[in-house]
């Protein structure tokens, strides 16, 4: 499934909530063409959301992708929650799409 979030949109929110995205996520044009992946892996962050969308648990995702640390998955979910619950989410999302 294609993500609608552009990396610059996520960087904006990471800066706003003062969370360093490099603690859990890596974006490098040499790794999967710049697709956001869990740091130190080649597992796209989007894969976690695909699993959750299909009704799988975080534990199932971690079992299938053992290179991803639980702390990384939790950090990504925490940041995603802060992004979508931010009071200016809609205006910032529309400005970057």
PDB file of N, CA and C in Angstrom:
ATOM      1  N   UNK A   1       0.833  -1.177   0.000  1.00  0.00           N
ATOM      2  CA  UNK A   1       0.000   0.000   0.000  1.00  0.00           C
ATOM      3  C   UNK A   1       0.877   1.239   0.000  1.00  0.00           C
ATOM      4  N   UNK A   2       0.550   2.175  -0.825  1.00  0.00           N
ATOM      5  CA  UNK A   2       1.342   3.393  -0.920  1.00  0.00           C
ATOM      6  C   UNK A   2       0.991   4.347   0.208  1.00  0.00           C
ATOM      7  N   UNK A   3       2.026   4.928   0.756  1.00  0.00           N
ATOM      8  CA  UNK A   3       1.828   5.906   1.817  1.00  0.00           C
ATOM      9  C   UNK A   3       1.544   7.261   1.218  1.00  0.00           C
ATOM     10  N   UNK A   4       0.673   8.034   1.872  1.00  0.00           N
ATOM     11  CA  UNK A   4       0.366   9.373   1.408  1.00  0.00           C
ATOM     12  C   UNK A   4       1.271  10.402   2.064  1.00  0.00           C
ATOM     13  N   UNK A   5       2.110   9.993   2.995  1.00  0.00           N
ATOM     14  CA  UNK A   5       2.951  10.933   3.711  1.00  0.00           C
ATOM     15  C   UNK A   5       4.280  11.108   3.009  1.00  0.00           C
ATOM     16  N   UNK A   6       4.614  12.336   2.708  1.00  0.00           N
ATOM     17  CA  UNK A   6       5.905  12.662   2.135  1.00  0.00           C
ATOM     18  C   UNK A   6       6.890  12.815   3.293  1.00  0.00           C
ATOM     19  N   UNK A   7       8.144  12.351   3.134  1.00  0.00           N
ATOM     20  CA  UNK A   7       9.097  12.445   4.236  1.00  0.00           C
ATOM     21  C   UNK A   7       9.243  13.855   4.814  1.00  0.00           C
ATOM     22  N   UNK A   8       9.158  14.890   3.976  1.00  0.00           N
ATOM     23  CA  UNK A   8       9.302  16.247   4.514  1.00  0.00           C
ATOM     24  C   UNK A   8       8.175  16.573   5.484  1.00  0.00           C
ATOM     25  N   UNK A   9       7.006  16.006   5.259  1.00  0.00           N
ATOM     26  CA  UNK A   9       5.875  16.191   6.169  1.00  0.00           C
ATOM     27  C   UNK A   9       6.202  15.577   7.527  1.00  0.00           C
ATOM     28  N   UNK A  10       6.767  14.387   7.513  1.00  0.00           N
ATOM     29  CA  UNK A  10       7.126  13.734   8.769  1.00  0.00           C
ATOM     30  C   UNK A  10       8.244  14.488   9.473  1.00  0.00           C
ATOM     31  N   UNK A  11       9.226  14.952   8.727  1.00  0.00           N
ATOM     32  CA  UNK A  11      10.305  15.710   9.356  1.00  0.00           C
ATOM     33  C   UNK A  11       9.774  16.962  10.040  1.00  0.00           C
ATOM     34  N   UNK A  12       8.809  17.610   9.405  1.00  0.00           N
ATOM     35  CA  UNK A  12       8.222  18.803  10.024  1.00  0.00           C
ATOM     36  C   UNK A  12       7.667  18.445  11.404  1.00  0.00           C
ATOM     37  N   UNK A  13       6.927  17.361  11.490  1.00  0.00           N
ATOM     38  CA  UNK A  13       6.323  16.988  12.767  1.00  0.00           C
ATOM     39  C   UNK A  13       7.336  16.470  13.771  1.00  0.00           C
ATOM     40  N   UNK A  14       8.348  15.750  13.303  1.00  0.00           N
ATOM     41  CA  UNK A  14       9.384  15.315  14.229  1.00  0.00           C
ATOM     42  C   UNK A  14      10.038  16.531  14.877  1.00  0.00           C
ATOM     43  N   UNK A  15      10.299  17.574  14.109  1.00  0.00           N
ATOM     44  CA  UNK A  15      10.887  18.795  14.664  1.00  0.00           C
ATOM     45  C   UNK A  15       9.930  19.455  15.634  1.00  0.00           C
ATOM     46  N   UNK A  16       8.639  19.473  15.323  1.00  0.00           N
ATOM     47  CA  UNK A  16       7.662  20.133  16.172  1.00  0.00           C
ATOM     48  C   UNK A  16       7.530  19.456  17.532  1.00  0.00           C
ATOM     49  N   UNK A  17       7.628  18.145  17.567  1.00  0.00           N
ATOM     50  CA  UNK A  17       7.484  17.448  18.844  1.00  0.00           C
ATOM     51  C   UNK A  17       8.843  17.137  19.471  1.00  0.00           C
ATOM     52  N   UNK A  18       9.888  17.622  18.835  1.00  0.00           N
ATOM     53  CA  UNK A  18      11.257  17.488  19.324  1.00  0.00           C
ATOM     54  C   UNK A  18      11.675  16.032  19.551  1.00  0.00           C
ATOM     55  N   UNK A  19      11.298  15.175  18.622  1.00  0.00           N
ATOM     56  CA  UNK A  19      11.730  13.783  18.633  1.00  0.00           C
ATOM     57  C   UNK A  19      12.688  13.621  17.465  1.00  0.00           C
ATOM     58  N   UNK A  20      13.817  13.046  17.711  1.00  0.00           N
ATOM     59  CA  UNK A  20      14.775  12.822  16.639  1.00  0.00           C
ATOM     60  C   UNK A  20      14.352  11.592  15.846  1.00  0.00           C
ATOM     61  N   UNK A  21      13.966  11.774  14.584  1.00  0.00           N
ATOM     62  CA  UNK A  21      13.495  10.622  13.795  1.00  0.00           C
ATOM     63  C   UNK A  21      14.588   9.590  13.569  1.00  0.00           C
ATOM     64  N   UNK A  22      15.829   9.988  13.695  1.00  0.00           N
ATOM     65  CA  UNK A  22      16.911   9.064  13.442  1.00  0.00           C
ATOM     66  C   UNK A  22      17.079   8.041  14.563  1.00  0.00           C
ATOM     67  N   UNK A  23      16.354   8.200  15.650  1.00  0.00           N
ATOM     68  CA  UNK A  23      16.404   7.207  16.715  1.00  0.00           C
ATOM     69  C   UNK A  23      15.696   5.918  16.314  1.00  0.00           C
ATOM     70  N   UNK A  24      14.725   6.031  15.432  1.00  0.00           N
ATOM     71  CA  UNK A  24      13.955   4.849  15.044  1.00  0.00           C
ATOM     72  C   UNK A  24      13.873   4.665  13.532  1.00  0.00           C
ATOM     73  N   UNK A  25      13.988   5.745  12.791  1.00  0.00           N
ATOM     74  CA  UNK A  25      13.764   5.712  11.346  1.00  0.00           C
ATOM     75  C   UNK A  25      14.985   6.221  10.617  1.00  0.00           C
ATOM     76  N   UNK A  26      15.243   5.596   9.486  1.00  0.00           N
ATOM     77  CA  UNK A  26      16.345   6.029   8.630  1.00  0.00           C
ATOM     78  C   UNK A  26      15.788   6.282   7.237  1.00  0.00           C
ATOM     79  N   UNK A  27      16.180   7.404   6.649  1.00  0.00           N
ATOM     80  CA  UNK A  27      15.802   7.713   5.268  1.00  0.00           C
ATOM     81  C   UNK A  27      17.097   7.997   4.524  1.00  0.00           C
ATOM     82  N   UNK A  28      17.431   7.090   3.621  1.00  0.00           N
ATOM     83  CA  UNK A  28      18.684   7.177   2.880  1.00  0.00           C
ATOM     84  C   UNK A  28      18.398   6.783   1.436  1.00  0.00           C
ATOM     85  N   UNK A  29      18.735   7.635   0.468  1.00  0.00           N
ATOM     86  CA  UNK A  29      18.459   7.300  -0.931  1.00  0.00           C
ATOM     87  C   UNK A  29      19.120   6.004  -1.397  1.00  0.00           C
ATOM     88  N   UNK A  30      20.146   5.543  -0.679  1.00  0.00           N
ATOM     89  CA  UNK A  30      20.824   4.297  -1.049  1.00  0.00           C
ATOM     90  C   UNK A  30      20.144   3.061  -0.472  1.00  0.00           C
ATOM     91  N   UNK A  31      19.160   3.259   0.396  1.00  0.00           N
ATOM     92  CA  UNK A  31      18.427   2.134   0.991  1.00  0.00           C
ATOM     93  C   UNK A  31      16.980   2.213   0.521  1.00  0.00           C
ATOM     94  N   UNK A  32      16.599   1.262  -0.302  1.00  0.00           N
ATOM     95  CA  UNK A  32      15.238   1.186  -0.844  1.00  0.00           C
ATOM     96  C   UNK A  32      14.788   2.510  -1.462  1.00  0.00           C
ATOM     97  N   UNK A  33      15.727   3.202  -2.118  1.00  0.00           N
ATOM     98  CA  UNK A  33      15.390   4.433  -2.829  1.00  0.00           C
ATOM     99  C   UNK A  33      14.921   5.569  -1.940  1.00  0.00           C
ATOM    100  N   UNK A  34      15.310   5.549  -0.669  1.00  0.00           N
ATOM    101  CA  UNK A  34      14.913   6.618   0.243  1.00  0.00           C
ATOM    102  C   UNK A  34      13.626   6.362   0.996  1.00  0.00           C
ATOM    103  N   UNK A  35      13.067   5.174   0.847  1.00  0.00           N
ATOM    104  CA  UNK A  35      11.880   4.807   1.609  1.00  0.00           C
ATOM    105  C   UNK A  35      12.228   4.806   3.100  1.00  0.00           C
ATOM    106  N   UNK A  36      11.410   5.408   3.958  1.00  0.00           N
ATOM    107  CA  UNK A  36      11.696   5.365   5.392  1.00  0.00           C
ATOM    108  C   UNK A  36      11.706   3.914   5.891  1.00  0.00           C
ATOM    109  N   UNK A  37      12.807   3.531   6.517  1.00  0.00           N
ATOM    110  CA  UNK A  37      12.955   2.177   7.065  1.00  0.00           C
ATOM    111  C   UNK A  37      13.294   2.279   8.543  1.00  0.00           C
ATOM    112  N   UNK A  38      13.111   1.188   9.254  1.00  0.00           N
ATOM    113  CA  UNK A  38      13.557   1.131  10.637  1.00  0.00           C
ATOM    114  C   UNK A  38      15.085   1.176  10.618  1.00  0.00           C
ATOM    115  N   UNK A  39      15.658   2.037  11.440  1.00  0.00           N
ATOM    116  CA  UNK A  39      17.096   2.248  11.456  1.00  0.00           C
ATOM    117  C   UNK A  39      17.842   0.930  11.633  1.00  0.00           C
ATOM    118  N   UNK A  40      18.857   0.737  10.798  1.00  0.00           N
ATOM    119  CA  UNK A  40      19.677  -0.466  10.874  1.00  0.00           C
ATOM    120  C   UNK A  40      19.079  -1.663  10.157  1.00  0.00           C
ATOM    121  N   UNK A  41      17.960  -1.469   9.462  1.00  0.00           N
ATOM    122  CA  UNK A  41      17.304  -2.561   8.740  1.00  0.00           C
ATOM    123  C   UNK A  41      16.967  -2.100   7.323  1.00  0.00           C
ATOM    124  N   UNK A  42      16.381  -3.002   6.577  1.00  0.00           N
ATOM    125  CA  UNK A  42      15.817  -2.656   5.271  1.00  0.00           C
ATOM    126  C   UNK A  42      14.299  -2.870   5.310  1.00  0.00           C
ATOM    127  N   UNK A  43      13.725  -2.780   6.487  1.00  0.00           N
ATOM    128  CA  UNK A  43      12.286  -2.988   6.672  1.00  0.00           C
ATOM    129  C   UNK A  43      11.591  -1.629   6.613  1.00  0.00           C
ATOM    130  N   UNK A  44      10.744  -1.417   5.596  1.00  0.00           N
ATOM    131  CA  UNK A  44      10.029  -0.144   5.506  1.00  0.00           C
ATOM    132  C   UNK A  44       9.114   0.073   6.714  1.00  0.00           C
ATOM    133  N   UNK A  45       9.099   1.289   7.213  1.00  0.00           N
ATOM    134  CA  UNK A  45       8.215   1.654   8.325  1.00  0.00           C
ATOM    135  C   UNK A  45       6.767   1.368   7.940  1.00  0.00           C
ATOM    136  N   UNK A  46       6.443   1.604   6.703  1.00  0.00           N
ATOM    137  CA  UNK A  46       5.083   1.383   6.220  1.00  0.00           C
ATOM    138  C   UNK A  46       4.609  -0.058   6.453  1.00  0.00           C
ATOM    139  N   UNK A  47       5.551  -0.993   6.468  1.00  0.00           N
ATOM    140  CA  UNK A  47       5.196  -2.396   6.676  1.00  0.00           C
ATOM    141  C   UNK A  47       4.513  -2.595   8.029  1.00  0.00           C
ATOM    142  N   UNK A  48       4.977  -1.892   9.052  1.00  0.00           N
ATOM    143  CA  UNK A  48       4.327  -1.985  10.366  1.00  0.00           C
ATOM    144  C   UNK A  48       2.873  -1.556  10.269  1.00  0.00           C
ATOM    145  N   UNK A  49       2.621  -0.455   9.595  1.00  0.00           N
ATOM    146  CA  UNK A  49       1.242   0.031   9.465  1.00  0.00           C
ATOM    147  C   UNK A  49       0.396  -0.906   8.613  1.00  0.00           C
ATOM    148  N   UNK A  50       1.000  -1.522   7.599  1.00  0.00           N
ATOM    149  CA  UNK A  50       0.278  -2.518   6.795  1.00  0.00           C
ATOM    150  C   UNK A  50      -0.151  -3.693   7.673  1.00  0.00           C
ATOM    151  N   UNK A  51       0.745  -4.172   8.526  1.00  0.00           N
ATOM    152  CA  UNK A  51       0.420  -5.273   9.435  1.00  0.00           C
ATOM    153  C   UNK A  51      -0.737  -4.888  10.361  1.00  0.00           C
ATOM    154  N   UNK A  52      -0.621  -3.716  10.957  1.00  0.00           N
ATOM    155  CA  UNK A  52      -1.664  -3.273  11.885  1.00  0.00           C
ATOM    156  C   UNK A  52      -2.994  -3.093  11.169  1.00  0.00           C
ATOM    157  N   UNK A  53      -2.952  -2.586   9.968  1.00  0.00           N
ATOM    158  CA  UNK A  53      -4.177  -2.405   9.183  1.00  0.00           C
ATOM    159  C   UNK A  53      -4.863  -3.737   8.898  1.00  0.00           C
ATOM    160  N   UNK A  54      -4.060  -4.773   8.726  1.00  0.00           N
ATOM    161  CA  UNK A  54      -4.600  -6.106   8.457  1.00  0.00           C
ATOM    162  C   UNK A  54      -5.055  -6.818   9.734  1.00  0.00           C
ATOM    163  N   UNK A  55      -4.853  -6.191  10.897  1.00  0.00           N
ATOM    164  CA  UNK A  55      -5.303  -6.771  12.154  1.00  0.00           C
ATOM    165  C   UNK A  55      -4.249  -7.562  12.897  1.00  0.00           C
ATOM    166  N   UNK A  56      -3.016  -7.542  12.406  1.00  0.00           N
ATOM    167  CA  UNK A  56      -1.934  -8.263  13.082  1.00  0.00           C
ATOM    168  C   UNK A  56      -1.462  -7.458  14.287  1.00  0.00           C
ATOM    169  N   UNK A  57      -0.852  -8.131  15.211  1.00  0.00           N
ATOM    170  CA  UNK A  57      -0.315  -7.469  16.404  1.00  0.00           C
ATOM    171  C   UNK A  57       1.114  -6.998  16.142  1.00  0.00           C
ATOM    172  N   UNK A  58       1.594  -6.133  17.017  1.00  0.00           N
ATOM    173  CA  UNK A  58       2.992  -5.708  16.932  1.00  0.00           C
ATOM    174  C   UNK A  58       3.904  -6.918  17.121  1.00  0.00           C
ATOM    175  N   UNK A  59       3.524  -7.812  18.012  1.00  0.00           N
ATOM    176  CA  UNK A  59       4.338  -9.010  18.242  1.00  0.00           C
ATOM    177  C   UNK A  59       4.462  -9.862  16.986  1.00  0.00           C
ATOM    178  N   UNK A  60       3.388  -9.965  16.216  1.00  0.00           N
ATOM    179  CA  UNK A  60       3.441 -10.720  14.954  1.00  0.00           C
ATOM    180  C   UNK A  60       4.397 -10.042  13.986  1.00  0.00           C
ATOM    181  N   UNK A  61       4.284  -8.716  13.883  1.00  0.00           N
ATOM    182  CA  UNK A  61       5.193  -7.964  13.021  1.00  0.00           C
ATOM    183  C   UNK A  61       6.643  -8.197  13.437  1.00  0.00           C
ATOM    184  N   UNK A  62       6.921  -8.097  14.725  1.00  0.00           N
ATOM    185  CA  UNK A  62       8.288  -8.266  15.225  1.00  0.00           C
ATOM    186  C   UNK A  62       8.795  -9.693  15.002  1.00  0.00           C
ATOM    187  N   UNK A  63       7.913 -10.655  15.093  1.00  0.00           N
ATOM    188  CA  UNK A  63       8.302 -12.049  14.838  1.00  0.00           C
ATOM    189  C   UNK A  63       8.680 -12.221  13.365  1.00  0.00           C
ATOM    190  N   UNK A  64       7.925 -11.592  12.483  1.00  0.00           N
ATOM    191  CA  UNK A  64       8.185 -11.706  11.044  1.00  0.00           C
ATOM    192  C   UNK A  64       9.376 -10.858  10.597  1.00  0.00           C
ATOM    193  N   UNK A  65       9.692  -9.821  11.354  1.00  0.00           N
ATOM    194  CA  UNK A  65      10.811  -8.916  11.039  1.00  0.00           C
ATOM    195  C   UNK A  65      11.709  -8.786  12.271  1.00  0.00           C
ATOM    196  N   UNK A  66      12.485  -9.825  12.575  1.00  0.00           N
ATOM    197  CA  UNK A  66      13.274  -9.833  13.810  1.00  0.00           C
ATOM    198  C   UNK A  66      14.384  -8.788  13.864  1.00  0.00           C
ATOM    199  N   UNK A  67      14.712  -8.146  12.755  1.00  0.00           N
ATOM    200  CA  UNK A  67      15.742  -7.102  12.799  1.00  0.00           C
ATOM    201  C   UNK A  67      15.203  -5.795  13.373  1.00  0.00           C
ATOM    202  N   UNK A  68      13.884  -5.659  13.464  1.00  0.00           N
ATOM    203  CA  UNK A  68      13.275  -4.465  14.041  1.00  0.00           C
ATOM    204  C   UNK A  68      13.139  -4.668  15.542  1.00  0.00           C
ATOM    205  N   UNK A  69      13.589  -3.691  16.307  1.00  0.00           N
ATOM    206  CA  UNK A  69      13.472  -3.756  17.764  1.00  0.00           C
ATOM    207  C   UNK A  69      12.099  -3.248  18.192  1.00  0.00           C
ATOM    208  N   UNK A  70      11.589  -3.840  19.251  1.00  0.00           N
ATOM    209  CA  UNK A  70      10.283  -3.426  19.762  1.00  0.00           C
ATOM    210  C   UNK A  70      10.275  -1.933  20.078  1.00  0.00           C
ATOM    211  N   UNK A  71      11.365  -1.424  20.628  1.00  0.00           N
ATOM    212  CA  UNK A  71      11.449  -0.005  20.967  1.00  0.00           C
ATOM    213  C   UNK A  71      11.290   0.871  19.727  1.00  0.00           C
ATOM    214  N   UNK A  72      11.817   0.403  18.592  1.00  0.00           N
ATOM    215  CA  UNK A  72      11.684   1.155  17.349  1.00  0.00           C
ATOM    216  C   UNK A  72      10.224   1.206  16.910  1.00  0.00           C
ATOM    217  N   UNK A  73       9.550   0.064  16.946  1.00  0.00           N
ATOM    218  CA  UNK A  73       8.153   0.004  16.535  1.00  0.00           C
ATOM    219  C   UNK A  73       7.282   0.876  17.427  1.00  0.00           C
ATOM    220  N   UNK A  74       7.515   0.820  18.718  1.00  0.00           N
ATOM    221  CA  UNK A  74       6.743   1.631  19.663  1.00  0.00           C
ATOM    222  C   UNK A  74       7.007   3.113  19.424  1.00  0.00           C
ATOM    223  N   UNK A  75       8.270   3.484  19.194  1.00  0.00           N
ATOM    224  CA  UNK A  75       8.604   4.889  18.942  1.00  0.00           C
ATOM    225  C   UNK A  75       7.904   5.404  17.691  1.00  0.00           C
ATOM    226  N   UNK A  76       7.865   4.590  16.649  1.00  0.00           N
ATOM    227  CA  UNK A  76       7.185   4.998  15.412  1.00  0.00           C
ATOM    228  C   UNK A  76       5.691   5.202  15.665  1.00  0.00           C
ATOM    229  N   UNK A  77       5.085   4.310  16.417  1.00  0.00           N
ATOM    230  CA  UNK A  77       3.655   4.454  16.717  1.00  0.00           C
ATOM    231  C   UNK A  77       3.390   5.682  17.581  1.00  0.00           C
ATOM    232  N   UNK A  78       4.278   5.956  18.532  1.00  0.00           N
ATOM    233  CA  UNK A  78       4.113   7.140  19.368  1.00  0.00           C
ATOM    234  C   UNK A  78       4.199   8.416  18.535  1.00  0.00           C
ATOM    235  N   UNK A  79       5.174   8.463  17.636  1.00  0.00           N
ATOM    236  CA  UNK A  79       5.321   9.642  16.784  1.00  0.00           C
ATOM    237  C   UNK A  79       4.117   9.778  15.851  1.00  0.00           C
ATOM    238  N   UNK A  80       3.672   8.667  15.272  1.00  0.00           N
ATOM    239  CA  UNK A  80       2.499   8.720  14.385  1.00  0.00           C
ATOM    240  C   UNK A  80       1.286   9.233  15.142  1.00  0.00           C
ATOM    241  N   UNK A  81       1.128   8.793  16.370  1.00  0.00           N
ATOM    242  CA  UNK A  81       0.007   9.274  17.178  1.00  0.00           C
ATOM    243  C   UNK A  81       0.083  10.763  17.423  1.00  0.00           C
ATOM    244  N   UNK A  82       1.288  11.263  17.696  1.00  0.00           N
ATOM    245  CA  UNK A  82       1.452  12.696  17.918  1.00  0.00           C
ATOM    246  C   UNK A  82       1.217  13.482  16.634  1.00  0.00           C
ATOM    247  N   UNK A  83       1.632  12.921  15.517  1.00  0.00           N
ATOM    248  CA  UNK A  83       1.435  13.598  14.232  1.00  0.00           C
ATOM    249  C   UNK A  83      -0.051  13.756  13.941  1.00  0.00           C
ATOM    250  N   UNK A  84      -0.800  12.676  13.996  1.00  0.00           N
ATOM    251  CA  UNK A  84      -2.209  12.746  13.599  1.00  0.00           C
ATOM    252  C   UNK A  84      -3.100  13.392  14.650  1.00  0.00           C
ATOM    253  N   UNK A  85      -2.633  13.507  15.880  1.00  0.00           N
ATOM    254  CA  UNK A  85      -3.459  14.162  16.886  1.00  0.00           C
ATOM    255  C   UNK A  85      -3.086  15.629  17.076  1.00  0.00           C
ATOM    256  N   UNK A  86      -2.123  16.088  16.323  1.00  0.00           N
ATOM    257  CA  UNK A  86      -1.711  17.486  16.406  1.00  0.00           C
ATOM    258  C   UNK A  86      -2.832  18.392  15.907  1.00  0.00           C
ATOM    259  N   UNK A  87      -2.979  19.537  16.551  1.00  0.00           N
ATOM    260  CA  UNK A  87      -4.081  20.434  16.199  1.00  0.00           C
ATOM    261  C   UNK A  87      -3.937  21.040  14.811  1.00  0.00           C
ATOM    262  N   UNK A  88      -2.727  21.090  14.268  1.00  0.00           N
ATOM    263  CA  UNK A  88      -2.572  21.647  12.928  1.00  0.00           C
ATOM    264  C   UNK A  88      -2.250  20.578  11.877  1.00  0.00           C
ATOM    265  N   UNK A  89      -2.583  19.338  12.186  1.00  0.00           N
ATOM    266  CA  UNK A  89      -2.321  18.218  11.281  1.00  0.00           C
ATOM    267  C   UNK A  89      -2.893  18.450   9.887  1.00  0.00           C
ATOM    268  N   UNK A  90      -4.161  18.791   9.808  1.00  0.00           N
ATOM    269  CA  UNK A  90      -4.808  18.917   8.500  1.00  0.00           C
ATOM    270  C   UNK A  90      -4.143  19.997   7.649  1.00  0.00           C
ATOM    271  N   UNK A  91      -3.890  21.156   8.209  1.00  0.00           N
ATOM    272  CA  UNK A  91      -3.307  22.229   7.403  1.00  0.00           C
ATOM    273  C   UNK A  91      -1.884  21.901   6.955  1.00  0.00           C
ATOM    274  N   UNK A  92      -1.096  21.298   7.809  1.00  0.00           N
ATOM    275  CA  UNK A  92       0.266  20.935   7.425  1.00  0.00           C
ATOM    276  C   UNK A  92       0.278  19.802   6.419  1.00  0.00           C
ATOM    277  N   UNK A  93      -0.625  18.844   6.576  1.00  0.00           N
ATOM    278  CA  UNK A  93      -0.698  17.737   5.621  1.00  0.00           C
ATOM    279  C   UNK A  93      -1.095  18.261   4.248  1.00  0.00           C
ATOM    280  N   UNK A  94      -2.114  19.116   4.208  1.00  0.00           N
ATOM    281  CA  UNK A  94      -2.562  19.661   2.933  1.00  0.00           C
ATOM    282  C   UNK A  94      -1.472  20.498   2.276  1.00  0.00           C
ATOM    283  N   UNK A  95      -0.681  21.200   3.052  1.00  0.00           N
ATOM    284  CA  UNK A  95       0.373  22.045   2.509  1.00  0.00           C
ATOM    285  C   UNK A  95       1.494  21.235   1.883  1.00  0.00           C
ATOM    286  N   UNK A  96       1.687  19.989   2.315  1.00  0.00           N
ATOM    287  CA  UNK A  96       2.781  19.176   1.787  1.00  0.00           C
ATOM    288  C   UNK A  96       2.325  18.176   0.749  1.00  0.00           C
ATOM    289  N   UNK A  97       1.033  18.054   0.526  1.00  0.00           N
ATOM    290  CA  UNK A  97       0.570  17.044  -0.455  1.00  0.00           C
ATOM    291  C   UNK A  97       0.374  17.641  -1.819  1.00  0.00           C
TER     292      UNK A  97
END
